[in-house]
Amino acid sequence: MSFVLSVIQPPEGEARYGKATVSTPVPERKNLHTIAYWAMRKHSPHMHPDEISRYAGQIANKKTGEVAVEASTGLAFRVDEEEDAPHACPCCERLVLPEDHAHASAEDAYCLGCFTWDRNTEQCLPGNSAHASHSS
């Protein structure tokens, strides 16, 4: 069984959601530690490496599907099995979860903020996507 780690940045500007990246699958859960470590290290280089390592270990051991927020960086992390992996919306980079809609498993599926079934609903608004401002 392989695992992926989603790293979600804090929202910027008026955006309700932060932009996300999903790691390539790793064969062992313990390998998620390295991915989490470098994500925090890149975001907050001032943090002590031992502190980052401790947080990364906790993140790697989280229950799958559970979002863990590291308070000092604002980064959110989610561990998933490769078969149920989320992906980043191709429009706004918001994390698209398997439970969002029927096509969420497709890597080119848009998040619910960028794709709506109602043609009269304005899409990509900051309140429902990771766009910091409305994009036409």
N, C-alpha and C. Protein backbone atom coordinates (compact mmCIF):
# COMPACT_ATOMS: atom_id res chain seq x y z
N MET A 1 0.85 -1.18 0.00
CA MET A 1 0.00 0.00 0.00
C MET A 1 0.89 1.24 0.00
N SER A 2 0.57 2.19 -0.88
CA SER A 2 1.33 3.44 -0.97
C SER A 2 0.51 4.59 -0.38
N PHE A 3 1.25 5.63 0.02
CA PHE A 3 0.62 6.78 0.66
C PHE A 3 1.05 8.08 -0.03
N VAL A 4 0.19 9.10 0.08
CA VAL A 4 0.52 10.44 -0.40
C VAL A 4 0.29 11.42 0.75
N LEU A 5 1.01 12.53 0.69
CA LEU A 5 0.84 13.60 1.67
C LEU A 5 0.43 14.85 0.93
N SER A 6 -0.69 15.42 1.33
CA SER A 6 -1.13 16.70 0.78
C SER A 6 -0.67 17.79 1.74
N VAL A 7 -0.10 18.84 1.17
CA VAL A 7 0.35 20.00 1.95
C VAL A 7 -0.46 21.19 1.47
N ILE A 8 -1.18 21.81 2.40
CA ILE A 8 -2.07 22.93 2.06
C ILE A 8 -1.52 24.20 2.70
N GLN A 9 -1.23 25.18 1.85
CA GLN A 9 -0.73 26.47 2.32
C GLN A 9 -1.86 27.23 3.02
N PRO A 10 -1.55 28.16 3.90
CA PRO A 10 -2.59 29.01 4.47
C PRO A 10 -3.25 29.83 3.36
N PRO A 11 -4.54 30.15 3.48
CA PRO A 11 -5.20 30.97 2.45
C PRO A 11 -4.53 32.33 2.32
N GLU A 12 -4.51 32.85 1.11
CA GLU A 12 -3.94 34.17 0.85
C GLU A 12 -5.04 35.15 0.49
N GLY A 13 -4.87 36.39 0.90
CA GLY A 13 -5.83 37.43 0.56
C GLY A 13 -7.23 37.08 1.01
N GLU A 14 -8.19 37.18 0.10
CA GLU A 14 -9.59 36.90 0.42
C GLU A 14 -9.95 35.43 0.25
N ALA A 15 -9.02 34.61 -0.20
CA ALA A 15 -9.32 33.21 -0.47
C ALA A 15 -9.75 32.48 0.79
N ARG A 16 -10.71 31.58 0.63
CA ARG A 16 -11.17 30.80 1.77
C ARG A 16 -10.28 29.57 1.99
N TYR A 17 -9.70 29.05 0.90
CA TYR A 17 -8.87 27.85 0.98
C TYR A 17 -7.46 28.17 0.49
N GLY A 18 -6.49 27.43 1.01
CA GLY A 18 -5.12 27.60 0.56
C GLY A 18 -4.80 26.68 -0.59
N LYS A 19 -3.75 27.01 -1.31
CA LYS A 19 -3.31 26.18 -2.43
C LYS A 19 -2.65 24.92 -1.88
N ALA A 20 -2.83 23.83 -2.61
CA ALA A 20 -2.35 22.54 -2.13
C ALA A 20 -1.41 21.89 -3.13
N THR A 21 -0.55 21.06 -2.61
CA THR A 21 0.26 20.17 -3.43
C THR A 21 0.10 18.77 -2.87
N VAL A 22 0.13 17.79 -3.75
CA VAL A 22 0.02 16.39 -3.32
C VAL A 22 1.31 15.69 -3.74
N SER A 23 1.92 15.01 -2.79
CA SER A 23 3.19 14.34 -3.07
C SER A 23 3.01 13.16 -4.01
N THR A 24 4.11 12.75 -4.58
CA THR A 24 4.06 11.50 -5.33
C THR A 24 3.93 10.38 -4.31
N PRO A 25 3.30 9.27 -4.69
CA PRO A 25 3.12 8.17 -3.73
C PRO A 25 4.45 7.61 -3.23
N VAL A 26 4.46 7.27 -1.97
CA VAL A 26 5.62 6.61 -1.36
C VAL A 26 5.16 5.25 -0.85
N PRO A 27 6.04 4.24 -0.94
CA PRO A 27 5.61 2.88 -0.57
C PRO A 27 5.41 2.65 0.92
N GLU A 28 6.07 3.44 1.74
CA GLU A 28 5.95 3.26 3.19
C GLU A 28 5.53 4.56 3.85
N ARG A 29 4.64 4.44 4.80
CA ARG A 29 4.10 5.62 5.50
C ARG A 29 5.20 6.44 6.16
N LYS A 30 6.23 5.78 6.67
CA LYS A 30 7.31 6.50 7.36
C LYS A 30 8.04 7.47 6.43
N ASN A 31 7.97 7.24 5.11
CA ASN A 31 8.61 8.14 4.16
C ASN A 31 7.91 9.49 4.06
N LEU A 32 6.68 9.58 4.56
CA LEU A 32 5.95 10.86 4.57
C LEU A 32 6.63 11.87 5.49
N HIS A 33 7.37 11.37 6.47
CA HIS A 33 8.09 12.23 7.40
C HIS A 33 8.99 13.20 6.64
N THR A 34 9.74 12.69 5.68
CA THR A 34 10.68 13.53 4.92
C THR A 34 9.94 14.59 4.13
N ILE A 35 8.81 14.22 3.52
CA ILE A 35 8.03 15.18 2.73
C ILE A 35 7.49 16.29 3.62
N ALA A 36 6.94 15.91 4.77
CA ALA A 36 6.41 16.90 5.72
C ALA A 36 7.54 17.78 6.26
N TYR A 37 8.67 17.17 6.56
CA TYR A 37 9.81 17.92 7.09
C TYR A 37 10.22 19.04 6.12
N TRP A 38 10.41 18.69 4.85
CA TRP A 38 10.89 19.68 3.89
C TRP A 38 9.84 20.73 3.56
N ALA A 39 8.58 20.36 3.63
CA ALA A 39 7.52 21.36 3.40
C ALA A 39 7.56 22.41 4.50
N MET A 40 7.70 21.98 5.75
CA MET A 40 7.77 22.93 6.86
C MET A 40 9.07 23.71 6.85
N ARG A 41 10.14 23.03 6.51
CA ARG A 41 11.45 23.69 6.47
C ARG A 41 11.47 24.81 5.42
N LYS A 42 10.88 24.53 4.26
CA LYS A 42 10.82 25.53 3.20
C LYS A 42 9.92 26.71 3.60
N HIS A 43 8.81 26.41 4.25
CA HIS A 43 7.85 27.46 4.63
C HIS A 43 8.35 28.29 5.80
N SER A 44 9.04 27.65 6.74
CA SER A 44 9.51 28.34 7.95
C SER A 44 10.96 27.96 8.26
N PRO A 45 11.90 28.52 7.51
CA PRO A 45 13.30 28.15 7.72
C PRO A 45 13.85 28.53 9.10
N HIS A 46 13.14 29.40 9.81
CA HIS A 46 13.58 29.81 11.14
C HIS A 46 13.30 28.76 12.21
N MET A 47 12.41 27.82 11.93
CA MET A 47 12.10 26.78 12.92
C MET A 47 13.30 25.87 13.14
N HIS A 48 13.45 25.42 14.36
CA HIS A 48 14.56 24.51 14.68
C HIS A 48 14.32 23.16 14.01
N PRO A 49 15.35 22.59 13.38
CA PRO A 49 15.18 21.30 12.69
C PRO A 49 14.62 20.18 13.56
N ASP A 50 14.98 20.15 14.84
CA ASP A 50 14.45 19.11 15.73
C ASP A 50 12.95 19.26 15.93
N GLU A 51 12.51 20.52 16.05
CA GLU A 51 11.08 20.79 16.21
C GLU A 51 10.33 20.38 14.94
N ILE A 52 10.88 20.72 13.79
CA ILE A 52 10.26 20.34 12.52
C ILE A 52 10.18 18.81 12.42
N SER A 53 11.23 18.14 12.78
CA SER A 53 11.27 16.68 12.69
C SER A 53 10.21 16.04 13.59
N ARG A 54 10.04 16.60 14.78
CA ARG A 54 9.03 16.08 15.71
C ARG A 54 7.62 16.24 15.12
N TYR A 55 7.33 17.43 14.59
CA TYR A 55 6.03 17.67 13.96
C TYR A 55 5.83 16.77 12.74
N ALA A 56 6.88 16.61 11.94
CA ALA A 56 6.78 15.77 10.74
C ALA A 56 6.47 14.32 11.11
N GLY A 57 7.05 13.85 12.19
CA GLY A 57 6.76 12.49 12.66
C GLY A 57 5.31 12.34 13.07
N GLN A 58 4.78 13.34 13.76
CA GLN A 58 3.37 13.30 14.17
C GLN A 58 2.45 13.32 12.95
N ILE A 59 2.80 14.12 11.95
CA ILE A 59 1.99 14.22 10.73
C ILE A 59 1.98 12.89 9.99
N ALA A 60 3.15 12.27 9.85
CA ALA A 60 3.25 11.01 9.11
C ALA A 60 2.43 9.90 9.76
N ASN A 61 2.20 10.01 11.06
CA ASN A 61 1.45 8.96 11.78
C ASN A 61 -0.03 9.28 11.96
N LYS A 62 -0.50 10.39 11.41
CA LYS A 62 -1.92 10.75 11.53
C LYS A 62 -2.79 9.71 10.81
N LYS A 63 -4.01 9.62 11.26
CA LYS A 63 -4.99 8.75 10.63
C LYS A 63 -5.24 9.23 9.20
N THR A 64 -5.39 8.31 8.26
CA THR A 64 -5.63 8.71 6.87
C THR A 64 -6.93 9.50 6.77
N GLY A 65 -6.90 10.52 5.92
CA GLY A 65 -8.07 11.36 5.72
C GLY A 65 -8.23 12.46 6.74
N GLU A 66 -7.38 12.48 7.76
CA GLU A 66 -7.47 13.49 8.81
C GLU A 66 -6.54 14.65 8.49
N VAL A 67 -7.03 15.88 8.64
CA VAL A 67 -6.21 17.06 8.37
C VAL A 67 -5.56 17.51 9.66
N ALA A 68 -4.25 17.70 9.60
CA ALA A 68 -3.49 18.18 10.75
C ALA A 68 -2.92 19.54 10.40
N VAL A 69 -3.17 20.54 11.25
CA VAL A 69 -2.65 21.88 11.03
C VAL A 69 -1.50 22.11 11.99
N GLU A 70 -0.37 22.53 11.44
CA GLU A 70 0.77 22.88 12.26
C GLU A 70 0.64 24.36 12.56
N ALA A 71 0.34 24.69 13.81
CA ALA A 71 -0.07 26.04 14.19
C ALA A 71 0.95 27.13 13.89
N SER A 72 2.22 26.88 14.11
CA SER A 72 3.20 27.95 13.94
C SER A 72 3.43 28.32 12.47
N THR A 73 3.20 27.38 11.54
CA THR A 73 3.40 27.68 10.12
C THR A 73 2.08 27.94 9.40
N GLY A 74 0.99 27.41 9.94
CA GLY A 74 -0.30 27.52 9.27
C GLY A 74 -0.50 26.49 8.18
N LEU A 75 0.50 25.65 7.96
CA LEU A 75 0.38 24.60 6.95
C LEU A 75 -0.55 23.50 7.45
N ALA A 76 -1.34 22.96 6.54
CA ALA A 76 -2.21 21.83 6.86
C ALA A 76 -1.71 20.62 6.08
N PHE A 77 -1.79 19.46 6.70
CA PHE A 77 -1.31 18.22 6.09
C PHE A 77 -2.40 17.16 6.15
N ARG A 78 -2.45 16.34 5.10
CA ARG A 78 -3.42 15.26 5.05
C ARG A 78 -2.73 14.03 4.46
N VAL A 79 -2.85 12.89 5.15
CA VAL A 79 -2.30 11.63 4.69
C VAL A 79 -3.43 10.82 4.07
N ASP A 80 -3.18 10.28 2.88
CA ASP A 80 -4.16 9.42 2.22
C ASP A 80 -3.48 8.23 1.58
N GLU A 81 -4.24 7.16 1.43
CA GLU A 81 -3.76 6.03 0.67
C GLU A 81 -3.81 6.43 -0.80
N GLU A 82 -2.91 5.91 -1.59
CA GLU A 82 -2.82 6.31 -3.00
C GLU A 82 -4.14 6.11 -3.73
N GLU A 83 -4.87 5.05 -3.42
CA GLU A 83 -6.13 4.76 -4.10
C GLU A 83 -7.20 5.82 -3.85
N ASP A 84 -7.13 6.50 -2.71
CA ASP A 84 -8.11 7.53 -2.35
C ASP A 84 -7.48 8.91 -2.30
N ALA A 85 -6.44 9.11 -3.06
CA ALA A 85 -5.69 10.36 -2.97
C ALA A 85 -6.47 11.54 -3.54
N PRO A 86 -6.42 12.67 -2.87
CA PRO A 86 -6.98 13.91 -3.43
C PRO A 86 -6.02 14.47 -4.46
N HIS A 87 -6.38 15.57 -5.08
CA HIS A 87 -5.48 16.26 -6.00
C HIS A 87 -5.76 17.75 -5.92
N ALA A 88 -4.89 18.54 -6.49
CA ALA A 88 -5.08 20.00 -6.50
C ALA A 88 -5.91 20.39 -7.72
N CYS A 89 -6.87 21.28 -7.51
CA CYS A 89 -7.73 21.77 -8.59
C CYS A 89 -6.86 22.38 -9.69
N PRO A 90 -7.09 22.02 -10.95
CA PRO A 90 -6.26 22.59 -12.02
C PRO A 90 -6.48 24.09 -12.23
N CYS A 91 -7.53 24.66 -11.65
CA CYS A 91 -7.79 26.10 -11.80
C CYS A 91 -7.20 26.90 -10.64
N CYS A 92 -7.56 26.53 -9.41
CA CYS A 92 -7.15 27.35 -8.26
C CYS A 92 -6.19 26.66 -7.31
N GLU A 93 -5.95 25.38 -7.50
CA GLU A 93 -5.05 24.58 -6.67
C GLU A 93 -5.61 24.25 -5.29
N ARG A 94 -6.92 24.44 -5.09
CA ARG A 94 -7.56 24.00 -3.85
C ARG A 94 -7.56 22.47 -3.85
N LEU A 95 -7.44 21.85 -2.68
CA LEU A 95 -7.44 20.39 -2.59
C LEU A 95 -8.82 19.85 -2.93
N VAL A 96 -8.88 18.94 -3.89
CA VAL A 96 -10.13 18.30 -4.29
C VAL A 96 -10.15 16.93 -3.62
N LEU A 97 -11.10 16.74 -2.72
CA LEU A 97 -11.18 15.51 -1.95
C LEU A 97 -12.09 14.49 -2.61
N PRO A 98 -11.85 13.19 -2.36
CA PRO A 98 -12.70 12.16 -2.96
C PRO A 98 -14.18 12.33 -2.62
N GLU A 99 -14.50 12.92 -1.51
CA GLU A 99 -15.92 13.07 -1.13
C GLU A 99 -16.57 14.34 -1.69
N ASP A 100 -15.81 15.16 -2.43
CA ASP A 100 -16.35 16.41 -2.96
C ASP A 100 -17.44 16.20 -4.00
N HIS A 101 -17.20 15.35 -4.99
CA HIS A 101 -18.20 15.08 -6.01
C HIS A 101 -17.83 13.82 -6.78
N ALA A 102 -18.70 13.38 -7.66
CA ALA A 102 -18.54 12.10 -8.34
C ALA A 102 -17.28 12.01 -9.19
N HIS A 103 -16.79 13.13 -9.69
CA HIS A 103 -15.62 13.10 -10.57
C HIS A 103 -14.32 13.50 -9.85
N ALA A 104 -14.35 13.53 -8.55
CA ALA A 104 -13.19 14.00 -7.79
C ALA A 104 -11.97 13.11 -7.95
N SER A 105 -12.15 11.88 -8.34
CA SER A 105 -11.00 10.99 -8.49
C SER A 105 -10.17 11.32 -9.72
N ALA A 106 -10.76 12.04 -10.67
CA ALA A 106 -10.02 12.42 -11.88
C ALA A 106 -9.09 13.58 -11.58
N GLU A 107 -7.84 13.48 -11.99
CA GLU A 107 -6.86 14.52 -11.66
C GLU A 107 -7.15 15.85 -12.32
N ASP A 108 -8.01 15.86 -13.35
CA ASP A 108 -8.35 17.12 -14.00
C ASP A 108 -9.70 17.66 -13.53
N ALA A 109 -10.25 17.06 -12.46
CA ALA A 109 -11.53 17.53 -11.92
C ALA A 109 -11.33 18.81 -11.12
N TYR A 110 -12.24 19.75 -11.31
CA TYR A 110 -12.17 21.02 -10.61
C TYR A 110 -12.79 20.92 -9.23
N CYS A 111 -12.36 21.78 -8.32
CA CYS A 111 -12.94 21.82 -6.98
C CYS A 111 -14.35 22.40 -7.07
N LEU A 112 -15.09 22.29 -6.00
CA LEU A 112 -16.46 22.78 -5.98
C LEU A 112 -16.54 24.30 -6.04
N GLY A 113 -15.41 24.97 -5.83
CA GLY A 113 -15.40 26.42 -5.96
C GLY A 113 -15.21 26.88 -7.39
N CYS A 114 -14.60 26.05 -8.20
CA CYS A 114 -14.35 26.42 -9.60
C CYS A 114 -15.33 25.76 -10.55
N PHE A 115 -15.98 24.71 -10.11
CA PHE A 115 -16.96 24.04 -10.96
C PHE A 115 -18.28 23.96 -10.20
N THR A 116 -19.32 24.46 -10.78
CA THR A 116 -20.64 24.33 -10.16
C THR A 116 -21.60 23.79 -11.20
N TRP A 117 -22.61 23.08 -10.74
CA TRP A 117 -23.63 22.53 -11.64
C TRP A 117 -24.59 23.61 -12.11
N ASP A 118 -24.70 24.67 -11.33
CA ASP A 118 -25.63 25.75 -11.66
C ASP A 118 -24.93 26.79 -12.54
N ARG A 119 -25.40 26.96 -13.76
CA ARG A 119 -24.77 27.89 -14.70
C ARG A 119 -24.87 29.34 -14.24
N ASN A 120 -25.82 29.66 -13.35
CA ASN A 120 -26.02 31.02 -12.88
C ASN A 120 -25.13 31.38 -11.69
N THR A 121 -24.42 30.40 -11.15
CA THR A 121 -23.54 30.65 -10.02
C THR A 121 -22.18 31.11 -10.51
N GLU A 122 -21.72 32.24 -9.99
CA GLU A 122 -20.40 32.73 -10.38
C GLU A 122 -19.33 31.83 -9.77
N GLN A 123 -18.38 31.45 -10.58
CA GLN A 123 -17.37 30.50 -10.13
C GLN A 123 -16.07 31.20 -9.76
N CYS A 124 -15.22 30.49 -9.08
CA CYS A 124 -13.88 30.95 -8.70
C CYS A 124 -13.88 32.17 -7.79
N LEU A 125 -14.88 32.33 -6.99
CA LEU A 125 -14.91 33.44 -6.04
C LEU A 125 -13.99 33.14 -4.86
N PRO A 126 -13.42 34.13 -4.23
CA PRO A 126 -12.52 33.90 -3.10
C PRO A 126 -13.17 33.10 -1.98
N GLY A 127 -14.47 33.29 -1.79
CA GLY A 127 -15.14 32.60 -0.70
C GLY A 127 -15.32 31.11 -0.89
N ASN A 128 -15.13 30.61 -2.10
CA ASN A 128 -15.33 29.17 -2.29
C ASN A 128 -14.18 28.51 -3.04
N SER A 129 -13.06 29.21 -3.17
CA SER A 129 -11.92 28.62 -3.86
C SER A 129 -10.63 29.08 -3.21
N ALA A 130 -9.52 28.75 -3.84
CA ALA A 130 -8.21 29.18 -3.37
C ALA A 130 -7.71 30.40 -4.13
N HIS A 131 -8.57 30.95 -5.00
CA HIS A 131 -8.21 32.20 -5.68
C HIS A 131 -8.33 33.35 -4.68
N ALA A 132 -7.31 34.18 -4.61
CA ALA A 132 -7.35 35.31 -3.68
C ALA A 132 -8.29 36.41 -4.14
N SER A 133 -8.58 36.43 -5.42
CA SER A 133 -9.55 37.40 -5.94
C SER A 133 -10.25 36.74 -7.11
N HIS A 134 -11.37 37.30 -7.51
CA HIS A 134 -12.14 36.73 -8.61
C HIS A 134 -11.32 36.75 -9.89
N SER A 135 -11.28 35.62 -10.54
CA SER A 135 -10.56 35.57 -11.84
C SER A 135 -11.56 35.20 -12.93
N SER A 136 -11.52 35.91 -14.01
CA SER A 136 -12.46 35.70 -15.09
C SER A 136 -11.96 34.63 -16.03
